[in-house]
C-alpha atoms as a PDB file:
ATOM      1  CA  MET A   1      -8.263   0.139  29.409  1.00  0.00           C
ATOM      2  CA  PHE A   2      -5.814   1.466  26.622  1.00  0.00           C
ATOM      3  CA  ARG A   3      -7.299  -1.437  24.681  1.00  0.00           C
ATOM      4  CA  GLN A   4     -10.685  -0.554  24.946  1.00  0.00           C
ATOM      5  CA  THR A   5     -10.643   3.166  24.668  1.00  0.00           C
ATOM      6  CA  ARG A   6      -6.654   4.738  24.557  1.00  0.00           C
ATOM      7  CA  ALA A   7      -7.686   8.482  24.790  1.00  0.00           C
ATOM      8  CA  ALA A   8      -9.857   7.656  27.994  1.00  0.00           C
ATOM      9  CA  ALA A   9      -6.647   5.936  29.329  1.00  0.00           C
ATOM     10  CA  ALA A  10      -4.181   8.684  29.093  1.00  0.00           C
ATOM     11  CA  PRO A  11      -4.613  10.177  32.633  1.00  0.00           C
ATOM     12  CA  LEU A  12      -4.418   7.113  34.126  1.00  0.00           C
ATOM     13  CA  LEU A  13      -1.330   6.210  32.159  1.00  0.00           C
ATOM     14  CA  ALA A  14       0.088   9.767  33.284  1.00  0.00           C
ATOM     15  CA  GLU A  15      -0.448   8.634  37.062  1.00  0.00           C
ATOM     16  CA  VAL A  16       1.543   5.455  36.776  1.00  0.00           C
ATOM     17  CA  ALA A  17       4.124   6.775  34.620  1.00  0.00           C
ATOM     18  CA  ALA A  18       4.758   9.600  37.448  1.00  0.00           C
ATOM     19  CA  ALA A  19       4.514   7.151  40.093  1.00  0.00           C
ATOM     20  CA  ALA A  20       7.086   4.722  38.868  1.00  0.00           C
ATOM     21  CA  ARG A  21       9.271   7.574  38.237  1.00  0.00           C
ATOM     22  CA  GLN A  22       9.318   8.492  42.137  1.00  0.00           C
ATOM     23  CA  ALA A  23       9.389   4.620  42.850  1.00  0.00           C
ATOM     24  CA  GLY A  24      12.438   4.288  40.762  1.00  0.00           C
ATOM     25  CA  HIS A  25      10.710   1.683  38.326  1.00  0.00           C
ATOM     26  CA  ALA A  26      12.195   2.587  35.318  1.00  0.00           C
ATOM     27  CA  GLU A  27      10.972  -0.232  33.066  1.00  0.00           C
ATOM     28  CA  THR A  28       6.892   0.481  34.593  1.00  0.00           C
ATOM     29  CA  GLU A  29       7.767   3.919  33.621  1.00  0.00           C
ATOM     30  CA  THR A  30       9.049   3.349  30.207  1.00  0.00           C
ATOM     31  CA  ILE A  31       6.229   0.997  29.343  1.00  0.00           C
ATOM     32  CA  ALA A  32       3.178   3.533  30.748  1.00  0.00           C
ATOM     33  CA  ARG A  33       4.813   6.077  28.391  1.00  0.00           C
ATOM     34  CA  LEU A  34       5.020   4.073  25.651  1.00  0.00           C
ATOM     35  CA  LEU A  35       1.223   3.734  26.049  1.00  0.00           C
ATOM     36  CA  LEU A  36       0.666   7.196  27.003  1.00  0.00           C
ATOM     37  CA  ALA A  37       2.093   8.963  24.013  1.00  0.00           C
ATOM     38  CA  PRO A  38      -0.458   6.961  21.422  1.00  0.00           C
ATOM     39  CA  ALA A  39      -3.078   7.551  23.569  1.00  0.00           C
ATOM     40  CA  LEU A  40      -2.672  11.472  23.722  1.00  0.00           C
ATOM     41  CA  VAL A  41      -2.518  11.103  20.000  1.00  0.00           C
ATOM     42  CA  GLU A  42      -5.920   9.397  19.606  1.00  0.00           C
ATOM     43  CA  GLY A  43      -7.162  12.136  21.835  1.00  0.00           C
ATOM     44  CA  ARG A  44      -6.216  14.450  19.266  1.00  0.00           C
ATOM     45  CA  PHE A  45      -3.957  15.966  22.332  1.00  0.00           C
ATOM     46  CA  LEU A  46      -1.122  16.151  19.788  1.00  0.00           C
ATOM     47  CA  ASP A  47       1.047  18.946  21.337  1.00  0.00           C
ATOM     48  CA  ASN A  48       0.891  16.785  24.460  1.00  0.00           C
ATOM     49  CA  ALA A  49       1.937  13.380  22.487  1.00  0.00           C
ATOM     50  CA  GLU A  50       5.157  15.348  21.127  1.00  0.00           C
ATOM     51  CA  SER A  51       5.969  16.071  24.625  1.00  0.00           C
ATOM     52  CA  ALA A  52       5.101  12.697  25.642  1.00  0.00           C
ATOM     53  CA  PHE A  53       7.126  11.013  22.834  1.00  0.00           C
ATOM     54  CA  ASP A  54      10.042  13.365  23.701  1.00  0.00           C
ATOM     55  CA  GLU A  55      10.261  12.326  27.192  1.00  0.00           C
ATOM     56  CA  LEU A  56       9.894   8.962  26.335  1.00  0.00           C
ATOM     57  CA  ILE A  57      12.624   9.202  24.220  1.00  0.00           C
ATOM     58  CA  ALA A  58      14.692  10.679  26.563  1.00  0.00           C
ATOM     59  CA  LEU A  59      14.143   8.081  29.207  1.00  0.00           C
ATOM     60  CA  CYS A  60      15.396   5.350  26.724  1.00  0.00           C
ATOM     61  CA  LEU A  61      18.318   7.107  25.670  1.00  0.00           C
ATOM     62  CA  GLY A  62      18.975   7.824  29.291  1.00  0.00           C
ATOM     63  CA  ASN A  63      18.581   4.035  30.367  1.00  0.00           C
ATOM     64  CA  ASP A  64      20.387   2.950  27.269  1.00  0.00           C
ATOM     65  CA  ASP A  65      17.052   1.199  26.602  1.00  0.00           C
ATOM     66  CA  ARG A  66      17.711   0.434  22.915  1.00  0.00           C
ATOM     67  CA  PHE A  67      14.763  -2.080  22.421  1.00  0.00           C
ATOM     68  CA  HIS A  68      11.989   0.319  23.883  1.00  0.00           C
ATOM     69  CA  LEU A  69      13.732   3.037  21.868  1.00  0.00           C
ATOM     70  CA  GLY A  70      13.081   1.327  18.886  1.00  0.00           C
ATOM     71  CA  VAL A  71       9.464   1.094  19.496  1.00  0.00           C
ATOM     72  CA  ALA A  72       9.334   4.494  20.930  1.00  0.00           C
ATOM     73  CA  TYR A  73      10.528   5.836  17.370  1.00  0.00           C
ATOM     74  CA  ALA A  74       8.083   3.283  15.873  1.00  0.00           C
ATOM     75  CA  ASN A  75       4.896   4.474  17.753  1.00  0.00           C
ATOM     76  CA  ARG A  76       5.608   8.181  17.091  1.00  0.00           C
ATOM     77  CA  ASN A  77       4.325   7.205  13.594  1.00  0.00           C
ATOM     78  CA  VAL A  78       1.190   7.700  14.683  1.00  0.00           C
ATOM     79  CA  LEU A  79       1.702  11.212  15.729  1.00  0.00           C
ATOM     80  CA  TRP A  80       3.899  12.295  12.459  1.00  0.00           C
ATOM     81  CA  ALA A  81       0.720  10.827  10.477  1.00  0.00           C
ATOM     82  CA  ALA A  82      -1.588  12.693  12.555  1.00  0.00           C
ATOM     83  CA  LEU A  83       0.168  15.926  11.632  1.00  0.00           C
ATOM     84  CA  GLY A  84       0.800  15.005   8.019  1.00  0.00           C
ATOM     85  CA  SER A  85       4.335  15.085   8.499  1.00  0.00           C
ATOM     86  CA  LEU A  86       5.324  12.595   6.218  1.00  0.00           C
ATOM     87  CA  ASP A  87       9.425  12.839   6.038  1.00  0.00           C
ATOM     88  CA  ARG A  88       9.590  12.543   9.927  1.00  0.00           C
ATOM     89  CA  VAL A  89       7.951   9.157   9.274  1.00  0.00           C
ATOM     90  CA  GLU A  90      10.523   8.361   6.881  1.00  0.00           C
ATOM     91  CA  ALA A  91      12.901   9.163   9.285  1.00  0.00           C
ATOM     92  CA  ASP A  92      11.911   7.451  12.303  1.00  0.00           C
ATOM     93  CA  LEU A  93      11.353   4.547  10.516  1.00  0.00           C
ATOM     94  CA  ARG A  94      14.836   4.554   9.199  1.00  0.00           C
ATOM     95  CA  THR A  95      16.011   5.052  12.806  1.00  0.00           C
ATOM     96  CA  VAL A  96      13.946   2.098  14.031  1.00  0.00           C
ATOM     97  CA  ILE A  97      15.411  -0.229  11.278  1.00  0.00           C
ATOM     98  CA  GLN A  98      18.803   0.767  12.305  1.00  0.00           C
ATOM     99  CA  LEU A  99      17.945  -0.301  16.146  1.00  0.00           C
ATOM    100  CA  ALA A 100      16.464  -3.487  15.056  1.00  0.00           C
ATOM    101  CA  ARG A 101      19.223  -4.778  13.032  1.00  0.00           C
ATOM    102  CA  GLU A 102      21.720  -3.595  15.913  1.00  0.00           C
ATOM    103  CA  GLY A 103      19.935  -5.442  18.474  1.00  0.00           C
ATOM    104  CA  GLY A 104      18.776  -8.587  16.332  1.00  0.00           C
ATOM    105  CA  HIS A 105      15.247  -7.886  16.553  1.00  0.00           C
ATOM    106  CA  SER A 106      14.114  -9.232  13.270  1.00  0.00           C
ATOM    107  CA  MET A 107      10.424  -8.735  13.979  1.00  0.00           C
ATOM    108  CA  MET A 108      10.869  -5.174  14.740  1.00  0.00           C
ATOM    109  CA  GLU A 109      12.950  -4.801  11.652  1.00  0.00           C
ATOM    110  CA  ARG A 110      10.116  -6.397   9.625  1.00  0.00           C
ATOM    111  CA  ILE A 111       7.271  -4.155  10.949  1.00  0.00           C
ATOM    112  CA  ALA A 112       9.360  -1.033  10.377  1.00  0.00           C
ATOM    113  CA  THR A 113      10.368  -2.176   6.714  1.00  0.00           C
ATOM    114  CA  HIS A 114       7.083  -3.007   6.034  1.00  0.00           C
ATOM    115  CA  ASN A 115       5.818   0.420   6.978  1.00  0.00           C
ATOM    116  CA  LEU A 116       8.598   2.261   5.144  1.00  0.00           C
ATOM    117  CA  ALA A 117       8.184   0.104   1.863  1.00  0.00           C
ATOM    118  CA  GLU A 118       4.291   1.626   2.390  1.00  0.00           C
ATOM    119  CA  ASP A 119       5.479   4.978   2.749  1.00  0.00           C
ATOM    120  CA  ARG A 120       7.823   5.134  -0.022  1.00  0.00           C
ATOM    121  CA  LEU A 121       5.175   3.440  -2.364  1.00  0.00           C
ATOM    122  CA  TRP A 122       2.873   6.434  -1.556  1.00  0.00           C
ATOM    123  CA  GLN A 123       5.926   8.730  -2.085  1.00  0.00           C
ATOM    124  CA  GLY A 124       6.437   7.162  -5.755  1.00  0.00           C
ATOM    125  CA  ALA A 125       9.927   5.860  -4.985  1.00  0.00           C
ATOM    126  CA  LEU A 126       9.119   2.434  -6.355  1.00  0.00           C
ATOM    127  CA  ASP A 127      12.570   1.065  -6.716  1.00  0.00           C
ATOM    128  CA  GLU A 128      13.248   1.747  -2.647  1.00  0.00           C
ATOM    129  CA  ALA A 129       9.493   0.471  -2.028  1.00  0.00           C
ATOM    130  CA  GLU A 130       9.848  -2.925  -3.713  1.00  0.00           C
ATOM    131  CA  ARG A 131      13.401  -3.227  -2.201  1.00  0.00           C
ATOM    132  CA  LEU A 132      12.028  -3.044   1.257  1.00  0.00           C
ATOM    133  CA  ALA A 133       9.115  -4.883   0.353  1.00  0.00           C
ATOM    134  CA  ARG A 134      11.104  -7.661  -0.651  1.00  0.00           C
ATOM    135  CA  ARG A 135      13.234  -7.430   2.768  1.00  0.00           C
ATOM    136  CA  GLY A 136      10.091  -7.489   4.799  1.00  0.00           C
ATOM    137  CA  LEU A 137       8.645 -10.531   3.161  1.00  0.00           C
ATOM    138  CA  SER A 138      12.006 -12.121   3.648  1.00  0.00           C
ATOM    139  CA  LEU A 139      11.868 -11.276   7.456  1.00  0.00           C
ATOM    140  CA  GLN A 140       8.789 -12.778   7.530  1.00  0.00           C
ATOM    141  CA  ARG A 141       9.756 -15.838   6.089  1.00  0.00           C
ATOM    142  CA  GLY A 142      12.697 -16.384   7.655  1.00  0.00           C
ATOM    143  CA  HIS A 143      11.892 -15.132  11.257  1.00  0.00           C
ATOM    144  CA  GLY A 144       8.187 -14.428  11.501  1.00  0.00           C
ATOM    145  CA  GLU A 145       5.434 -17.175  13.154  1.00  0.00           C
ATOM    146  CA  GLY A 146       2.393 -15.791  11.393  1.00  0.00           C
ATOM    147  CA  SER A 147       1.465 -15.496   7.720  1.00  0.00           C
ATOM    148  CA  THR A 148       3.279 -13.920   4.679  1.00  0.00           C
ATOM    149  CA  TRP A 149      -0.225 -12.465   3.351  1.00  0.00           C
ATOM    150  CA  LEU A 150       0.432  -8.845   4.198  1.00  0.00           C
ATOM    151  CA  ASP A 151       3.695  -8.708   2.948  1.00  0.00           C
ATOM    152  CA  GLU A 152       3.055 -10.304  -0.249  1.00  0.00           C
ATOM    153  CA  LEU A 153       0.229  -8.056  -0.667  1.00  0.00           C
ATOM    154  CA  LEU A 154       2.471  -5.366  -0.130  1.00  0.00           C
ATOM    155  CA  LEU A 155       4.940  -6.262  -2.774  1.00  0.00           C
ATOM    156  CA  ALA A 156       1.752  -7.011  -5.342  1.00  0.00           C
ATOM    157  CA  ARG A 157       0.696  -3.395  -4.390  1.00  0.00           C
ATOM    158  CA  VAL A 158       4.262  -2.168  -5.664  1.00  0.00           C
ATOM    159  CA  PHE A 159       4.240  -4.299  -8.542  1.00  0.00           C
ATOM    160  CA  ALA A 160       0.707  -2.898  -9.356  1.00  0.00           C
ATOM    161  CA  ALA A 161       2.149   0.785  -9.297  1.00  0.00           C
ATOM    162  CA  ARG A 162       5.184  -0.275 -11.435  1.00  0.00           C
ATOM    163  CA  ASP A 163       2.547  -1.656 -13.929  1.00  0.00           C
ATOM    164  CA  ASP A 164       4.237  -5.021 -13.960  1.00  0.00           C
ATOM    165  CA  VAL A 165       1.135  -7.019 -14.212  1.00  0.00           C
ATOM    166  CA  VAL A 166       2.769 -10.513 -14.751  1.00  0.00           C
ATOM    167  CA  ALA A 167       4.783 -10.053 -11.216  1.00  0.00           C
ATOM    168  CA  CYS A 168       1.452  -8.842  -9.730  1.00  0.00           C
ATOM    169  CA  ALA A 169      -0.643 -11.590 -11.185  1.00  0.00           C
ATOM    170  CA  ASP A 170       2.146 -14.059  -9.615  1.00  0.00           C
ATOM    171  CA  ILE A 171       1.486 -13.029  -6.316  1.00  0.00           C
ATOM    172  CA  VAL A 172      -2.291 -12.427  -6.666  1.00  0.00           C
ATOM    173  CA  SER A 173      -2.843 -16.084  -7.991  1.00  0.00           C
ATOM    174  CA  HIS A 174      -0.622 -17.391  -4.956  1.00  0.00           C
ATOM    175  CA  LEU A 175      -2.652 -15.481  -2.814  1.00  0.00           C
ATOM    176  CA  SER A 176      -5.782 -16.429  -3.977  1.00  0.00           C
ATOM    177  CA  GLU A 177      -5.097 -20.146  -2.232  1.00  0.00           C
ATOM    178  CA  SER A 178      -5.038 -18.739   1.002  1.00  0.00           C
ATOM    179  CA  ASP A 179      -7.569 -17.265   3.597  1.00  0.00           C
ATOM    180  CA  ILE A 180      -7.911 -13.674   3.686  1.00  0.00           C
ATOM    181  CA  PRO A 181      -7.024 -11.929   7.157  1.00  0.00           C
ATOM    182  CA  SER A 182      -9.416  -8.955   7.038  1.00  0.00           C
ATOM    183  CA  GLU A 183     -12.071  -6.922   5.052  1.00  0.00           C
ATOM    184  CA  GLU A 184      -9.459  -4.428   4.424  1.00  0.00           C
ATOM    185  CA  ASP A 185      -7.078  -7.304   2.977  1.00  0.00           C
ATOM    186  CA  ARG A 186     -10.065  -8.457   1.136  1.00  0.00           C
ATOM    187  CA  VAL A 187     -10.865  -5.006  -0.749  1.00  0.00           C
ATOM    188  CA  MET A 188      -6.963  -4.363  -1.684  1.00  0.00           C
ATOM    189  CA  PHE A 189      -6.850  -8.046  -2.858  1.00  0.00           C
ATOM    190  CA  GLY A 190     -10.202  -7.478  -4.882  1.00  0.00           C
ATOM    191  CA  LEU A 191      -8.639  -4.378  -6.563  1.00  0.00           C
ATOM    192  CA  LEU A 192      -5.234  -6.171  -7.358  1.00  0.00           C
ATOM    193  CA  ARG A 193      -7.397  -8.994  -8.934  1.00  0.00           C
ATOM    194  CA  CYS A 194      -9.210  -6.182 -11.043  1.00  0.00           C
ATOM    195  CA  TYR A 195      -6.330  -4.564 -12.086  1.00  0.00           C
ATOM    196  CA  VAL A 196      -4.549  -8.234 -13.267  1.00  0.00           C
ATOM    197  CA  GLU A 197      -7.758  -9.337 -14.766  1.00  0.00           C
ATOM    198  CA  ARG A 198      -8.369  -6.330 -16.839  1.00  0.00           C
ATOM    199  CA  SER A 199     -11.577  -6.099 -15.300  1.00  0.00           C
ATOM    200  CA  GLY A 200     -14.487  -4.026 -16.490  1.00  0.00           C
ATOM    201  CA  TYR A 201     -15.793  -0.769 -15.279  1.00  0.00           C
ATOM    202  CA  GLU A 202     -18.599  -2.362 -13.076  1.00  0.00           C
ATOM    203  CA  GLU A 203     -16.596  -4.744 -11.306  1.00  0.00           C
ATOM    204  CA  TRP A 204     -13.739  -2.346 -10.362  1.00  0.00           C
ATOM    205  CA  MET A 205     -16.406  -0.141  -8.836  1.00  0.00           C
ATOM    206  CA  VAL A 206     -17.934  -2.787  -7.068  1.00  0.00           C
ATOM    207  CA  TRP A 207     -14.247  -2.995  -5.104  1.00  0.00           C
ATOM    208  CA  LEU A 208     -14.027   0.879  -5.058  1.00  0.00           C
ATOM    209  CA  ASN A 209     -17.395   1.501  -3.230  1.00  0.00           C
ATOM    210  CA  ARG A 210     -16.338  -1.065  -0.979  1.00  0.00           C
ATOM    211  CA  ALA A 211     -12.746   0.646  -0.426  1.00  0.00           C
ATOM    212  CA  ASP A 212     -14.771   3.917   0.554  1.00  0.00           C
ATOM    213  CA  VAL A 213     -15.908   2.009   3.889  1.00  0.00           C
ATOM    214  CA  ALA A 214     -12.831  -0.523   4.405  1.00  0.00           C
ATOM    215  CA  LEU A 215      -9.689   1.599   3.455  1.00  0.00           C
ATOM    216  CA  SER A 216      -8.164   4.554   5.162  1.00  0.00           C
ATOM    217  CA  ASP A 217      -7.345   7.929   2.914  1.00  0.00           C
ATOM    218  CA  GLU A 218      -3.937   6.814   1.884  1.00  0.00           C
ATOM    219  CA  LEU A 219      -5.269   3.174   0.586  1.00  0.00           C
ATOM    220  CA  ARG A 220      -8.204   4.745  -0.887  1.00  0.00           C
ATOM    221  CA  LEU A 221      -5.979   7.405  -3.031  1.00  0.00           C
ATOM    222  CA  GLU A 222      -3.350   4.716  -3.871  1.00  0.00           C
ATOM    223  CA  PHE A 223      -6.126   2.266  -5.492  1.00  0.00           C
ATOM    224  CA  ALA A 224      -7.979   5.254  -6.957  1.00  0.00           C
ATOM    225  CA  ALA A 225      -4.542   6.143  -8.808  1.00  0.00           C
ATOM    226  CA  LEU A 226      -4.634   2.546 -10.101  1.00  0.00           C
ATOM    227  CA  ALA A 227      -8.033   2.848 -11.228  1.00  0.00           C
ATOM    228  CA  GLN A 228      -7.368   6.146 -12.734  1.00  0.00           C
ATOM    229  CA  ARG A 229      -4.000   4.426 -14.812  1.00  0.00           C
ATOM    230  CA  ASN A 230      -6.234   1.832 -16.112  1.00  0.00           C
ATOM    231  CA  HIS A 231      -8.803   4.255 -17.254  1.00  0.00           C
ATOM    232  CA  ILE A 232     -11.769   3.535 -14.936  1.00  0.00           C
ATOM    233  CA  LEU A 233     -11.779   6.705 -13.088  1.00  0.00           C
ATOM    234  CA  PRO A 234     -11.348   9.999 -14.966  1.00  0.00           C
END
C-alpha cells in the first residue's frame, strides 16, 4: 500500500508501529516508522510527520541502530523540502554522510552526497557543489551497481552553473552515447546540450516547454536561470 498510495498507508503503518512496540519487535517498529513519516508528509500532515521523525530518530538512537538512523535523517529531507527549510536539509544530509562513513555504507553516502551537491548547487555554493558531485560520481563508479548517468549529469549541471562550457561539453558528449533513464533526465540533458552547443531561442524553448511538465520547481528554476544567463529568457 505504501508503494501504491503513500498517504493512505499512514494509518496502517501507525498500527504496525504500535503493535510492534507492544510486542517488542524493534526492527519491525523501526521499518514501519521509516515508512510512516514520509507517508504523513505525502498526506501533508506535516506537524504529525515532524513528530513521527522525532520518534523514529529517538528509537534508532535508543537501539544504537546507526544504519536506520542514517536512513531516518535521509528520509527527513522530504519533510524539510515540504516546509521550505533548506538549512535543515543541508544539516541532515551532512549527518547522513557522517553516519554512512562511520558504518562503511558507501551507497548511503553516495545518495546523501549527490543530494547535498544538488542542494549546494541551488544555493550557489559551486565550489562545494563540484567537490561533492565529484565525490558522488567516484562512489558510484567504485561501489555502485548501476549507471553513473545521474552522477555525471549532476556534475555537468554544476559545470554549466560555473559557465565552464568545455568541461560541461565533455560530459554531454560522453552521455550522448548512453541510454537516457527518464523523461526528467532527457529534458535536463536536452537543455545542457542547448547550452554547450549555443543553440538558438527556438531550440531552447522546445526543451524549456518540456521542462514545465517534466521537472520539479527547483529544477525548472535552475534551468531557467541557465537560459537567462545565456540571453534566452529576459
